[in-house]
């Protein structure tokens, strides 16, 4: 089931990314300034269809992190790590988040760094 979920994640990401590129190109072609596509809406729609979509959780975490919503980002990254603890991407997201977060939660960050070292050592 993990393989199917991975393939679906890639396909959904490709669809959303293609849509964003095509819409931006169309807007530039007709002389409009590109508008910001609501990434949150797209990712939440994917999660409504598949609440355990690893990649949608990570992209939603990244979106929240970029928006400064660190607690939301942490929630999505942690959900992704619980779904696929052997995959590195969500752990990297947590590492990035903890490096930016203030006040620093050193204990959590150290655990994440240890997990990343374990995964990289395999």
PDB file of N, CA and C in Angstrom:
ATOM      1  N   UNK A   1       0.817  -1.196   0.000  1.00  0.00           N
ATOM      2  CA  UNK A   1       0.000   0.000   0.000  1.00  0.00           C
ATOM      3  C   UNK A   1       0.862   1.261   0.000  1.00  0.00           C
ATOM      4  N   UNK A   2       2.055   1.189   0.584  1.00  0.00           N
ATOM      5  CA  UNK A   2       2.926   2.356   0.597  1.00  0.00           C
ATOM      6  C   UNK A   2       3.366   2.732  -0.808  1.00  0.00           C
ATOM      7  N   UNK A   3       3.600   1.740  -1.649  1.00  0.00           N
ATOM      8  CA  UNK A   3       4.019   2.026  -3.017  1.00  0.00           C
ATOM      9  C   UNK A   3       2.905   2.730  -3.768  1.00  0.00           C
ATOM     10  N   UNK A   4       1.671   2.256  -3.611  1.00  0.00           N
ATOM     11  CA  UNK A   4       0.529   2.901  -4.265  1.00  0.00           C
ATOM     12  C   UNK A   4       0.344   4.320  -3.788  1.00  0.00           C
ATOM     13  N   UNK A   5       0.511   4.537  -2.496  1.00  0.00           N
ATOM     14  CA  UNK A   5       0.383   5.877  -1.934  1.00  0.00           C
ATOM     15  C   UNK A   5       1.474   6.792  -2.467  1.00  0.00           C
ATOM     16  N   UNK A   6       2.680   6.261  -2.633  1.00  0.00           N
ATOM     17  CA  UNK A   6       3.784   7.044  -3.168  1.00  0.00           C
ATOM     18  C   UNK A   6       3.498   7.459  -4.605  1.00  0.00           C
ATOM     19  N   UNK A   7       3.027   6.527  -5.409  1.00  0.00           N
ATOM     20  CA  UNK A   7       2.713   6.824  -6.811  1.00  0.00           C
ATOM     21  C   UNK A   7       1.597   7.857  -6.887  1.00  0.00           C
ATOM     22  N   UNK A   8       0.570   7.690  -6.080  1.00  0.00           N
ATOM     23  CA  UNK A   8      -0.540   8.639  -6.068  1.00  0.00           C
ATOM     24  C   UNK A   8      -0.037  10.018  -5.638  1.00  0.00           C
ATOM     25  N   UNK A   9       0.849  10.062  -4.664  1.00  0.00           N
ATOM     26  CA  UNK A   9       1.418  11.333  -4.215  1.00  0.00           C
ATOM     27  C   UNK A   9       2.156  12.048  -5.335  1.00  0.00           C
ATOM     28  N   UNK A  10       2.971  11.297  -6.083  1.00  0.00           N
ATOM     29  CA  UNK A  10       3.692  11.895  -7.203  1.00  0.00           C
ATOM     30  C   UNK A  10       2.737  12.390  -8.283  1.00  0.00           C
ATOM     31  N   UNK A  11       1.729  11.594  -8.583  1.00  0.00           N
ATOM     32  CA  UNK A  11       0.765  11.972  -9.621  1.00  0.00           C
ATOM     33  C   UNK A  11      -0.005  13.222  -9.208  1.00  0.00           C
ATOM     34  N   UNK A  12      -0.481  13.261  -7.968  1.00  0.00           N
ATOM     35  CA  UNK A  12      -1.225  14.432  -7.510  1.00  0.00           C
ATOM     36  C   UNK A  12      -0.342  15.672  -7.487  1.00  0.00           C
ATOM     37  N   UNK A  13       0.898  15.515  -7.069  1.00  0.00           N
ATOM     38  CA  UNK A  13       1.822  16.650  -7.070  1.00  0.00           C
ATOM     39  C   UNK A  13       2.031  17.144  -8.500  1.00  0.00           C
ATOM     40  N   UNK A  14       2.219  16.222  -9.440  1.00  0.00           N
ATOM     41  CA  UNK A  14       2.431  16.606 -10.839  1.00  0.00           C
ATOM     42  C   UNK A  14       1.231  17.345 -11.394  1.00  0.00           C
ATOM     43  N   UNK A  15       0.036  16.895 -11.045  1.00  0.00           N
ATOM     44  CA  UNK A  15      -1.186  17.552 -11.522  1.00  0.00           C
ATOM     45  C   UNK A  15      -1.279  18.971 -10.970  1.00  0.00           C
ATOM     46  N   UNK A  16      -1.080  19.126  -9.675  1.00  0.00           N
ATOM     47  CA  UNK A  16      -1.165  20.453  -9.052  1.00  0.00           C
ATOM     48  C   UNK A  16      -0.086  21.375  -9.616  1.00  0.00           C
ATOM     49  N   UNK A  17       1.137  20.878  -9.745  1.00  0.00           N
ATOM     50  CA  UNK A  17       2.230  21.689 -10.265  1.00  0.00           C
ATOM     51  C   UNK A  17       1.960  22.107 -11.710  1.00  0.00           C
ATOM     52  N   UNK A  18       1.485  21.176 -12.536  1.00  0.00           N
ATOM     53  CA  UNK A  18       1.169  21.485 -13.936  1.00  0.00           C
ATOM     54  C   UNK A  18       0.078  22.536 -14.022  1.00  0.00           C
ATOM     55  N   UNK A  19      -0.938  22.410 -13.182  1.00  0.00           N
ATOM     56  CA  UNK A  19      -2.022  23.391 -13.166  1.00  0.00           C
ATOM     57  C   UNK A  19      -1.485  24.788 -12.851  1.00  0.00           C
ATOM     58  N   UNK A  20      -0.629  24.881 -11.850  1.00  0.00           N
ATOM     59  CA  UNK A  20      -0.071  26.172 -11.454  1.00  0.00           C
ATOM     60  C   UNK A  20       0.758  26.777 -12.588  1.00  0.00           C
ATOM     61  N   UNK A  21       1.583  25.967 -13.229  1.00  0.00           N
ATOM     62  CA  UNK A  21       2.417  26.460 -14.331  1.00  0.00           C
ATOM     63  C   UNK A  21       1.549  26.932 -15.493  1.00  0.00           C
ATOM     64  N   UNK A  22       0.559  26.128 -15.885  1.00  0.00           N
ATOM     65  CA  UNK A  22      -0.305  26.492 -17.012  1.00  0.00           C
ATOM     66  C   UNK A  22      -1.074  27.779 -16.708  1.00  0.00           C
ATOM     67  N   UNK A  23      -1.619  27.892 -15.509  1.00  0.00           N
ATOM     68  CA  UNK A  23      -2.369  29.108 -15.161  1.00  0.00           C
ATOM     69  C   UNK A  23      -1.459  30.334 -15.172  1.00  0.00           C
ATOM     70  N   UNK A  24      -0.251  30.208 -14.681  1.00  0.00           N
ATOM     71  CA  UNK A  24       0.686  31.332 -14.684  1.00  0.00           C
ATOM     72  C   UNK A  24       1.044  31.731 -16.113  1.00  0.00           C
ATOM     73  N   UNK A  25       1.265  30.745 -16.972  1.00  0.00           N
ATOM     74  CA  UNK A  25       1.600  31.040 -18.363  1.00  0.00           C
ATOM     75  C   UNK A  25       0.436  31.730 -19.074  1.00  0.00           C
ATOM     76  N   UNK A  26      -0.778  31.270 -18.824  1.00  0.00           N
ATOM     77  CA  UNK A  26      -1.949  31.890 -19.440  1.00  0.00           C
ATOM     78  C   UNK A  26      -2.102  33.337 -18.977  1.00  0.00           C
ATOM     79  N   UNK A  27      -1.881  33.582 -17.730  1.00  0.00           N
ATOM     80  CA  UNK A  27      -2.001  34.942 -17.204  1.00  0.00           C
ATOM     81  C   UNK A  27      -0.958  35.858 -17.826  1.00  0.00           C
ATOM     82  N   UNK A  28       0.267  35.386 -17.963  1.00  0.00           N
ATOM     83  CA  UNK A  28       1.306  36.199 -18.587  1.00  0.00           C
ATOM     84  C   UNK A  28       0.998  36.448 -20.061  1.00  0.00           C
ATOM     85  N   UNK A  29       0.443  35.446 -20.717  1.00  0.00           N
ATOM     86  CA  UNK A  29       0.123  35.553 -22.141  1.00  0.00           C
ATOM     87  C   UNK A  29      -0.911  36.649 -22.407  1.00  0.00           C
ATOM     88  N   UNK A  30      -1.902  36.776 -21.520  1.00  0.00           N
ATOM     89  CA  UNK A  30      -2.944  37.789 -21.737  1.00  0.00           C
ATOM     90  C   UNK A  30      -2.622  39.099 -21.024  1.00  0.00           C
ATOM     91  N   UNK A  31      -1.432  39.189 -20.454  1.00  0.00           N
ATOM     92  CA  UNK A  31      -0.975  40.454 -19.891  1.00  0.00           C
ATOM     93  C   UNK A  31      -1.382  40.717 -18.456  1.00  0.00           C
ATOM     94  N   UNK A  32      -1.808  39.702 -17.733  1.00  0.00           N
ATOM     95  CA  UNK A  32      -2.154  39.888 -16.327  1.00  0.00           C
ATOM     96  C   UNK A  32      -0.973  39.522 -15.443  1.00  0.00           C
ATOM     97  N   UNK A  33      -0.918  40.129 -14.293  1.00  0.00           N
ATOM     98  CA  UNK A  33       0.096  39.735 -13.322  1.00  0.00           C
ATOM     99  C   UNK A  33      -0.282  38.355 -12.789  1.00  0.00           C
ATOM    100  N   UNK A  34       0.706  37.478 -12.626  1.00  0.00           N
ATOM    101  CA  UNK A  34       0.388  36.156 -12.071  1.00  0.00           C
ATOM    102  C   UNK A  34      -0.218  36.281 -10.676  1.00  0.00           C
ATOM    103  N   UNK A  35      -1.241  35.492 -10.409  1.00  0.00           N
ATOM    104  CA  UNK A  35      -1.845  35.512  -9.086  1.00  0.00           C
ATOM    105  C   UNK A  35      -1.372  34.307  -8.300  1.00  0.00           C
ATOM    106  N   UNK A  36      -1.458  34.440  -7.014  1.00  0.00           N
ATOM    107  CA  UNK A  36      -1.024  33.358  -6.139  1.00  0.00           C
ATOM    108  C   UNK A  36      -2.122  32.294  -6.082  1.00  0.00           C
ATOM    109  N   UNK A  37      -1.794  31.098  -6.502  1.00  0.00           N
ATOM    110  CA  UNK A  37      -2.726  29.979  -6.414  1.00  0.00           C
ATOM    111  C   UNK A  37      -2.782  29.556  -4.952  1.00  0.00           C
ATOM    112  N   UNK A  38      -3.955  29.259  -4.488  1.00  0.00           N
ATOM    113  CA  UNK A  38      -4.102  28.855  -3.092  1.00  0.00           C
ATOM    114  C   UNK A  38      -3.615  27.417  -2.917  1.00  0.00           C
ATOM    115  N   UNK A  39      -2.342  27.309  -2.567  1.00  0.00           N
ATOM    116  CA  UNK A  39      -1.719  26.001  -2.383  1.00  0.00           C
ATOM    117  C   UNK A  39      -2.390  25.242  -1.246  1.00  0.00           C
ATOM    118  N   UNK A  40      -2.749  25.955  -0.191  1.00  0.00           N
ATOM    119  CA  UNK A  40      -3.386  25.294   0.940  1.00  0.00           C
ATOM    120  C   UNK A  40      -4.668  24.592   0.498  1.00  0.00           C
ATOM    121  N   UNK A  41      -5.453  25.260  -0.331  1.00  0.00           N
ATOM    122  CA  UNK A  41      -6.719  24.682  -0.800  1.00  0.00           C
ATOM    123  C   UNK A  41      -6.450  23.396  -1.577  1.00  0.00           C
ATOM    124  N   UNK A  42      -5.471  23.429  -2.460  1.00  0.00           N
ATOM    125  CA  UNK A  42      -5.157  22.258  -3.275  1.00  0.00           C
ATOM    126  C   UNK A  42      -4.669  21.093  -2.416  1.00  0.00           C
ATOM    127  N   UNK A  43      -3.782  21.390  -1.474  1.00  0.00           N
ATOM    128  CA  UNK A  43      -3.244  20.323  -0.635  1.00  0.00           C
ATOM    129  C   UNK A  43      -4.297  19.762   0.312  1.00  0.00           C
ATOM    130  N   UNK A  44      -5.146  20.634   0.836  1.00  0.00           N
ATOM    131  CA  UNK A  44      -6.209  20.143   1.714  1.00  0.00           C
ATOM    132  C   UNK A  44      -7.201  19.280   0.943  1.00  0.00           C
ATOM    133  N   UNK A  45      -7.436  19.601  -0.326  1.00  0.00           N
ATOM    134  CA  UNK A  45      -8.314  18.780  -1.160  1.00  0.00           C
ATOM    135  C   UNK A  45      -7.702  17.396  -1.360  1.00  0.00           C
ATOM    136  N   UNK A  46      -6.386  17.346  -1.544  1.00  0.00           N
ATOM    137  CA  UNK A  46      -5.708  16.055  -1.680  1.00  0.00           C
ATOM    138  C   UNK A  46      -5.841  15.261  -0.385  1.00  0.00           C
ATOM    139  N   UNK A  47      -5.661  15.937   0.762  1.00  0.00           N
ATOM    140  CA  UNK A  47      -5.752  15.238   2.050  1.00  0.00           C
ATOM    141  C   UNK A  47      -7.179  14.792   2.370  1.00  0.00           C
ATOM    142  N   UNK A  48      -8.176  15.500   1.837  1.00  0.00           N
ATOM    143  CA  UNK A  48      -9.555  15.040   2.022  1.00  0.00           C
ATOM    144  C   UNK A  48      -9.773  13.729   1.285  1.00  0.00           C
ATOM    145  N   UNK A  49      -9.139  13.587   0.133  1.00  0.00           N
ATOM    146  CA  UNK A  49      -9.265  12.345  -0.636  1.00  0.00           C
ATOM    147  C   UNK A  49      -8.424  11.225  -0.026  1.00  0.00           C
ATOM    148  N   UNK A  50      -7.273  11.576   0.512  1.00  0.00           N
ATOM    149  CA  UNK A  50      -6.358  10.590   1.103  1.00  0.00           C
ATOM    150  C   UNK A  50      -5.681  11.232   2.304  1.00  0.00           C
ATOM    151  N   UNK A  51      -6.264  11.042   3.489  1.00  0.00           N
ATOM    152  CA  UNK A  51      -5.784  11.712   4.696  1.00  0.00           C
ATOM    153  C   UNK A  51      -4.382  11.270   5.109  1.00  0.00           C
ATOM    154  N   UNK A  52      -3.884  10.188   4.523  1.00  0.00           N
ATOM    155  CA  UNK A  52      -2.560   9.692   4.871  1.00  0.00           C
ATOM    156  C   UNK A  52      -1.572   9.865   3.720  1.00  0.00           C
ATOM    157  N   UNK A  53      -1.781  10.881   2.898  1.00  0.00           N
ATOM    158  CA  UNK A  53      -0.888  11.135   1.774  1.00  0.00           C
ATOM    159  C   UNK A  53       0.380  11.809   2.302  1.00  0.00           C
ATOM    160  N   UNK A  54       1.444  11.054   2.311  1.00  0.00           N
ATOM    161  CA  UNK A  54       2.721  11.495   2.867  1.00  0.00           C
ATOM    162  C   UNK A  54       3.203  12.803   2.233  1.00  0.00           C
ATOM    163  N   UNK A  55       3.163  12.862   0.922  1.00  0.00           N
ATOM    164  CA  UNK A  55       3.700  14.032   0.216  1.00  0.00           C
ATOM    165  C   UNK A  55       2.832  15.273   0.395  1.00  0.00           C
ATOM    166  N   UNK A  56       1.535  15.108   0.424  1.00  0.00           N
ATOM    167  CA  UNK A  56       0.657  16.261   0.667  1.00  0.00           C
ATOM    168  C   UNK A  56       0.894  16.819   2.066  1.00  0.00           C
ATOM    169  N   UNK A  57       1.105  15.945   3.046  1.00  0.00           N
ATOM    170  CA  UNK A  57       1.403  16.399   4.405  1.00  0.00           C
ATOM    171  C   UNK A  57       2.702  17.194   4.445  1.00  0.00           C
ATOM    172  N   UNK A  58       3.709  16.718   3.718  1.00  0.00           N
ATOM    173  CA  UNK A  58       4.988  17.421   3.699  1.00  0.00           C
ATOM    174  C   UNK A  58       4.851  18.771   3.002  1.00  0.00           C
ATOM    175  N   UNK A  59       4.189  18.804   1.854  1.00  0.00           N
ATOM    176  CA  UNK A  59       4.034  20.074   1.134  1.00  0.00           C
ATOM    177  C   UNK A  59       3.211  21.066   1.945  1.00  0.00           C
ATOM    178  N   UNK A  60       2.228  20.560   2.676  1.00  0.00           N
ATOM    179  CA  UNK A  60       1.438  21.443   3.535  1.00  0.00           C
ATOM    180  C   UNK A  60       2.313  21.961   4.683  1.00  0.00           C
ATOM    181  N   UNK A  61       3.166  21.091   5.218  1.00  0.00           N
ATOM    182  CA  UNK A  61       4.106  21.519   6.252  1.00  0.00           C
ATOM    183  C   UNK A  61       5.049  22.600   5.745  1.00  0.00           C
ATOM    184  N   UNK A  62       5.572  22.412   4.544  1.00  0.00           N
ATOM    185  CA  UNK A  62       6.463  23.412   3.947  1.00  0.00           C
ATOM    186  C   UNK A  62       5.727  24.731   3.755  1.00  0.00           C
ATOM    187  N   UNK A  63       4.493  24.663   3.267  1.00  0.00           N
ATOM    188  CA  UNK A  63       3.707  25.883   3.042  1.00  0.00           C
ATOM    189  C   UNK A  63       3.477  26.646   4.344  1.00  0.00           C
ATOM    190  N   UNK A  64       3.127  25.916   5.402  1.00  0.00           N
ATOM    191  CA  UNK A  64       2.933  26.568   6.699  1.00  0.00           C
ATOM    192  C   UNK A  64       4.249  27.126   7.240  1.00  0.00           C
ATOM    193  N   UNK A  65       5.325  26.377   7.051  1.00  0.00           N
ATOM    194  CA  UNK A  65       6.632  26.845   7.527  1.00  0.00           C
ATOM    195  C   UNK A  65       7.025  28.142   6.817  1.00  0.00           C
ATOM    196  N   UNK A  66       6.845  28.193   5.517  1.00  0.00           N
ATOM    197  CA  UNK A  66       7.172  29.403   4.751  1.00  0.00           C
ATOM    198  C   UNK A  66       6.297  30.577   5.179  1.00  0.00           C
ATOM    199  N   UNK A  67       5.072  30.291   5.626  1.00  0.00           N
ATOM    200  CA  UNK A  67       4.171  31.334   6.092  1.00  0.00           C
ATOM    201  C   UNK A  67       4.374  31.713   7.548  1.00  0.00           C
ATOM    202  N   UNK A  68       5.350  31.079   8.210  1.00  0.00           N
ATOM    203  CA  UNK A  68       5.633  31.397   9.603  1.00  0.00           C
ATOM    204  C   UNK A  68       4.693  30.728  10.590  1.00  0.00           C
ATOM    205  N   UNK A  69       3.880  29.800  10.127  1.00  0.00           N
ATOM    206  CA  UNK A  69       2.938  29.078  10.998  1.00  0.00           C
ATOM    207  C   UNK A  69       3.609  27.774  11.449  1.00  0.00           C
ATOM    208  N   UNK A  70       4.534  27.925  12.384  1.00  0.00           N
ATOM    209  CA  UNK A  70       5.400  26.812  12.763  1.00  0.00           C
ATOM    210  C   UNK A  70       4.674  25.666  13.463  1.00  0.00           C
ATOM    211  N   UNK A  71       3.682  25.972  14.283  1.00  0.00           N
ATOM    212  CA  UNK A  71       2.986  24.883  14.983  1.00  0.00           C
ATOM    213  C   UNK A  71       2.197  24.027  13.993  1.00  0.00           C
ATOM    214  N   UNK A  72       1.602  24.649  12.977  1.00  0.00           N
ATOM    215  CA  UNK A  72       0.882  23.890  11.941  1.00  0.00           C
ATOM    216  C   UNK A  72       1.859  23.056  11.118  1.00  0.00           C
ATOM    217  N   UNK A  73       2.987  23.640  10.770  1.00  0.00           N
ATOM    218  CA  UNK A  73       4.003  22.924  10.001  1.00  0.00           C
ATOM    219  C   UNK A  73       4.493  21.704  10.787  1.00  0.00           C
ATOM    220  N   UNK A  74       4.757  21.910  12.062  1.00  0.00           N
ATOM    221  CA  UNK A  74       5.242  20.813  12.908  1.00  0.00           C
ATOM    222  C   UNK A  74       4.219  19.679  12.958  1.00  0.00           C
ATOM    223  N   UNK A  75       2.956  20.020  13.075  1.00  0.00           N
ATOM    224  CA  UNK A  75       1.889  19.011  13.136  1.00  0.00           C
ATOM    225  C   UNK A  75       1.888  18.154  11.866  1.00  0.00           C
ATOM    226  N   UNK A  76       2.010  18.787  10.701  1.00  0.00           N
ATOM    227  CA  UNK A  76       1.978  18.043   9.439  1.00  0.00           C
ATOM    228  C   UNK A  76       3.234  17.196   9.248  1.00  0.00           C
ATOM    229  N   UNK A  77       4.393  17.752   9.594  1.00  0.00           N
ATOM    230  CA  UNK A  77       5.632  16.969   9.497  1.00  0.00           C
ATOM    231  C   UNK A  77       5.587  15.756  10.426  1.00  0.00           C
ATOM    232  N   UNK A  78       5.116  15.963  11.650  1.00  0.00           N
ATOM    233  CA  UNK A  78       5.065  14.849  12.609  1.00  0.00           C
ATOM    234  C   UNK A  78       4.095  13.768  12.159  1.00  0.00           C
ATOM    235  N   UNK A  79       2.966  14.168  11.573  1.00  0.00           N
ATOM    236  CA  UNK A  79       2.027  13.181  11.042  1.00  0.00           C
ATOM    237  C   UNK A  79       2.695  12.374   9.941  1.00  0.00           C
ATOM    238  N   UNK A  80       3.439  13.051   9.073  1.00  0.00           N
ATOM    239  CA  UNK A  80       4.134  12.357   7.985  1.00  0.00           C
ATOM    240  C   UNK A  80       5.194  11.396   8.526  1.00  0.00           C
ATOM    241  N   UNK A  81       5.934  11.799   9.572  1.00  0.00           N
ATOM    242  CA  UNK A  81       6.951  10.900  10.135  1.00  0.00           C
ATOM    243  C   UNK A  81       6.319   9.684  10.783  1.00  0.00           C
ATOM    244  N   UNK A  82       5.122   9.838  11.321  1.00  0.00           N
ATOM    245  CA  UNK A  82       4.465   8.675  11.934  1.00  0.00           C
ATOM    246  C   UNK A  82       3.937   7.717  10.866  1.00  0.00           C
ATOM    247  N   UNK A  83       3.595   8.243   9.694  1.00  0.00           N
ATOM    248  CA  UNK A  83       3.110   7.382   8.605  1.00  0.00           C
ATOM    249  C   UNK A  83       4.243   6.577   7.977  1.00  0.00           C
ATOM    250  N   UNK A  84       5.348   7.248   7.688  1.00  0.00           N
ATOM    251  CA  UNK A  84       6.504   6.593   7.058  1.00  0.00           C
ATOM    252  C   UNK A  84       7.780   7.001   7.798  1.00  0.00           C
ATOM    253  N   UNK A  85       8.025   6.384   8.965  1.00  0.00           N
ATOM    254  CA  UNK A  85       9.178   6.799   9.776  1.00  0.00           C
ATOM    255  C   UNK A  85      10.525   6.542   9.117  1.00  0.00           C
ATOM    256  N   UNK A  86      10.586   5.673   8.127  1.00  0.00           N
ATOM    257  CA  UNK A  86      11.845   5.371   7.453  1.00  0.00           C
ATOM    258  C   UNK A  86      12.151   6.283   6.272  1.00  0.00           C
ATOM    259  N   UNK A  87      11.242   7.178   5.949  1.00  0.00           N
ATOM    260  CA  UNK A  87      11.462   8.134   4.856  1.00  0.00           C
ATOM    261  C   UNK A  87      12.091   9.413   5.425  1.00  0.00           C
ATOM    262  N   UNK A  88      13.010   9.977   4.711  1.00  0.00           N
ATOM    263  CA  UNK A  88      13.814  11.084   5.248  1.00  0.00           C
ATOM    264  C   UNK A  88      13.170  12.457   5.094  1.00  0.00           C
ATOM    265  N   UNK A  89      12.314  12.639   4.106  1.00  0.00           N
ATOM    266  CA  UNK A  89      11.831  13.977   3.747  1.00  0.00           C
ATOM    267  C   UNK A  89      11.140  14.709   4.899  1.00  0.00           C
ATOM    268  N   UNK A  90      10.248  14.039   5.604  1.00  0.00           N
ATOM    269  CA  UNK A  90       9.539  14.693   6.720  1.00  0.00           C
ATOM    270  C   UNK A  90      10.497  15.018   7.863  1.00  0.00           C
ATOM    271  N   UNK A  91      11.475  14.155   8.079  1.00  0.00           N
ATOM    272  CA  UNK A  91      12.476  14.426   9.119  1.00  0.00           C
ATOM    273  C   UNK A  91      13.306  15.649   8.755  1.00  0.00           C
ATOM    274  N   UNK A  92      13.620  15.806   7.470  1.00  0.00           N
ATOM    275  CA  UNK A  92      14.347  16.996   7.022  1.00  0.00           C
ATOM    276  C   UNK A  92      13.495  18.253   7.231  1.00  0.00           C
ATOM    277  N   UNK A  93      12.192  18.120   6.999  1.00  0.00           N
ATOM    278  CA  UNK A  93      11.293  19.242   7.244  1.00  0.00           C
ATOM    279  C   UNK A  93      11.302  19.657   8.707  1.00  0.00           C
ATOM    280  N   UNK A  94      11.234  18.672   9.594  1.00  0.00           N
ATOM    281  CA  UNK A  94      11.289  18.989  11.029  1.00  0.00           C
ATOM    282  C   UNK A  94      12.611  19.641  11.405  1.00  0.00           C
ATOM    283  N   UNK A  95      13.709  19.151  10.836  1.00  0.00           N
ATOM    284  CA  UNK A  95      15.013  19.741  11.112  1.00  0.00           C
ATOM    285  C   UNK A  95      15.040  21.203  10.671  1.00  0.00           C
ATOM    286  N   UNK A  96      14.556  21.474   9.487  1.00  0.00           N
ATOM    287  CA  UNK A  96      14.506  22.841   8.976  1.00  0.00           C
ATOM    288  C   UNK A  96      13.647  23.727   9.878  1.00  0.00           C
ATOM    289  N   UNK A  97      12.527  23.193  10.290  1.00  0.00           N
ATOM    290  CA  UNK A  97      11.606  23.942  11.147  1.00  0.00           C
ATOM    291  C   UNK A  97      12.242  24.256  12.495  1.00  0.00           C
ATOM    292  N   UNK A  98      12.841  23.256  13.125  1.00  0.00           N
ATOM    293  CA  UNK A  98      13.432  23.473  14.449  1.00  0.00           C
ATOM    294  C   UNK A  98      14.630  24.414  14.385  1.00  0.00           C
ATOM    295  N   UNK A  99      15.302  24.462  13.237  1.00  0.00           N
ATOM    296  CA  UNK A  99      16.427  25.390  13.086  1.00  0.00           C
ATOM    297  C   UNK A  99      15.948  26.843  13.045  1.00  0.00           C
ATOM    298  N   UNK A 100      14.712  27.057  12.591  1.00  0.00           N
ATOM    299  CA  UNK A 100      14.151  28.411  12.479  1.00  0.00           C
ATOM    300  C   UNK A 100      13.349  28.828  13.706  1.00  0.00           C
ATOM    301  N   UNK A 101      12.798  27.858  14.400  1.00  0.00           N
ATOM    302  CA  UNK A 101      11.831  28.114  15.457  1.00  0.00           C
ATOM    303  C   UNK A 101      12.469  28.803  16.663  1.00  0.00           C
ATOM    304  N   UNK A 102      11.721  29.738  17.207  1.00  0.00           N
ATOM    305  CA  UNK A 102      12.174  30.424  18.411  1.00  0.00           C
ATOM    306  C   UNK A 102      11.002  30.498  19.381  1.00  0.00           C
ATOM    307  N   UNK A 103      11.113  30.134  20.611  1.00  0.00           N
ATOM    308  CA  UNK A 103      12.329  29.629  21.248  1.00  0.00           C
ATOM    309  C   UNK A 103      12.662  28.220  20.754  1.00  0.00           C
ATOM    310  N   UNK A 104      13.927  27.913  20.792  1.00  0.00           N
ATOM    311  CA  UNK A 104      14.415  26.632  20.301  1.00  0.00           C
ATOM    312  C   UNK A 104      14.029  25.525  21.267  1.00  0.00           C
ATOM    313  N   UNK A 105      13.513  24.433  20.719  1.00  0.00           N
ATOM    314  CA  UNK A 105      13.235  23.242  21.519  1.00  0.00           C
ATOM    315  C   UNK A 105      14.364  22.256  21.240  1.00  0.00           C
ATOM    316  N   UNK A 106      15.441  22.408  21.998  1.00  0.00           N
ATOM    317  CA  UNK A 106      16.650  21.633  21.768  1.00  0.00           C
ATOM    318  C   UNK A 106      16.460  20.139  21.849  1.00  0.00           C
ATOM    319  N   UNK A 107      15.635  19.672  22.777  1.00  0.00           N
ATOM    320  CA  UNK A 107      15.441  18.233  22.948  1.00  0.00           C
ATOM    321  C   UNK A 107      14.808  17.619  21.696  1.00  0.00           C
ATOM    322  N   UNK A 108      13.780  18.267  21.171  1.00  0.00           N
ATOM    323  CA  UNK A 108      13.125  17.758  19.957  1.00  0.00           C
ATOM    324  C   UNK A 108      14.083  17.801  18.774  1.00  0.00           C
ATOM    325  N   UNK A 109      14.821  18.891  18.678  1.00  0.00           N
ATOM    326  CA  UNK A 109      15.738  19.041  17.548  1.00  0.00           C
ATOM    327  C   UNK A 109      16.823  17.970  17.585  1.00  0.00           C
ATOM    328  N   UNK A 110      17.346  17.669  18.764  1.00  0.00           N
ATOM    329  CA  UNK A 110      18.376  16.635  18.897  1.00  0.00           C
ATOM    330  C   UNK A 110      17.826  15.269  18.487  1.00  0.00           C
ATOM    331  N   UNK A 111      16.585  14.956  18.878  1.00  0.00           N
ATOM    332  CA  UNK A 111      15.981  13.682  18.480  1.00  0.00           C
ATOM    333  C   UNK A 111      15.837  13.586  16.956  1.00  0.00           C
ATOM    334  N   UNK A 112      15.432  14.687  16.336  1.00  0.00           N
ATOM    335  CA  UNK A 112      15.292  14.708  14.883  1.00  0.00           C
ATOM    336  C   UNK A 112      16.652  14.534  14.210  1.00  0.00           C
ATOM    337  N   UNK A 113      17.673  15.211  14.720  1.00  0.00           N
ATOM    338  CA  UNK A 113      19.012  15.079  14.144  1.00  0.00           C
ATOM    339  C   UNK A 113      19.544  13.649  14.285  1.00  0.00           C
ATOM    340  N   UNK A 114      19.276  13.013  15.421  1.00  0.00           N
ATOM    341  CA  UNK A 114      19.681  11.609  15.603  1.00  0.00           C
ATOM    342  C   UNK A 114      18.986  10.706  14.599  1.00  0.00           C
ATOM    343  N   UNK A 115      17.687  10.941  14.385  1.00  0.00           N
ATOM    344  CA  UNK A 115      16.933  10.132  13.411  1.00  0.00           C
ATOM    345  C   UNK A 115      17.484  10.332  12.011  1.00  0.00           C
ATOM    346  N   UNK A 116      17.807  11.569  11.655  1.00  0.00           N
ATOM    347  CA  UNK A 116      18.380  11.838  10.337  1.00  0.00           C
ATOM    348  C   UNK A 116      19.722  11.117  10.168  1.00  0.00           C
ATOM    349  N   UNK A 117      20.561  11.134  11.201  1.00  0.00           N
ATOM    350  CA  UNK A 117      21.830  10.421  11.130  1.00  0.00           C
ATOM    351  C   UNK A 117      21.613   8.931  10.954  1.00  0.00           C
ATOM    352  N   UNK A 118      20.626   8.382  11.678  1.00  0.00           N
ATOM    353  CA  UNK A 118      20.319   6.951  11.535  1.00  0.00           C
ATOM    354  C   UNK A 118      19.868   6.642  10.105  1.00  0.00           C
ATOM    355  N   UNK A 119      18.983   7.467   9.558  1.00  0.00           N
ATOM    356  CA  UNK A 119      18.477   7.227   8.209  1.00  0.00           C
ATOM    357  C   UNK A 119      19.584   7.377   7.165  1.00  0.00           C
ATOM    358  N   UNK A 120      20.451   8.347   7.353  1.00  0.00           N
ATOM    359  CA  UNK A 120      21.535   8.556   6.398  1.00  0.00           C
ATOM    360  C   UNK A 120      22.607   7.469   6.494  1.00  0.00           C
ATOM    361  N   UNK A 121      22.707   6.842   7.660  1.00  0.00           N
ATOM    362  CA  UNK A 121      23.688   5.793   7.866  1.00  0.00           C
ATOM    363  C   UNK A 121      23.296   4.457   7.287  1.00  0.00           C
ATOM    364  N   UNK A 122      22.051   4.314   6.874  1.00  0.00           N
ATOM    365  CA  UNK A 122      21.580   3.023   6.327  1.00  0.00           C
ATOM    366  C   UNK A 122      22.185   2.741   4.989  1.00  0.00           C
TER     367      UNK A 122
END
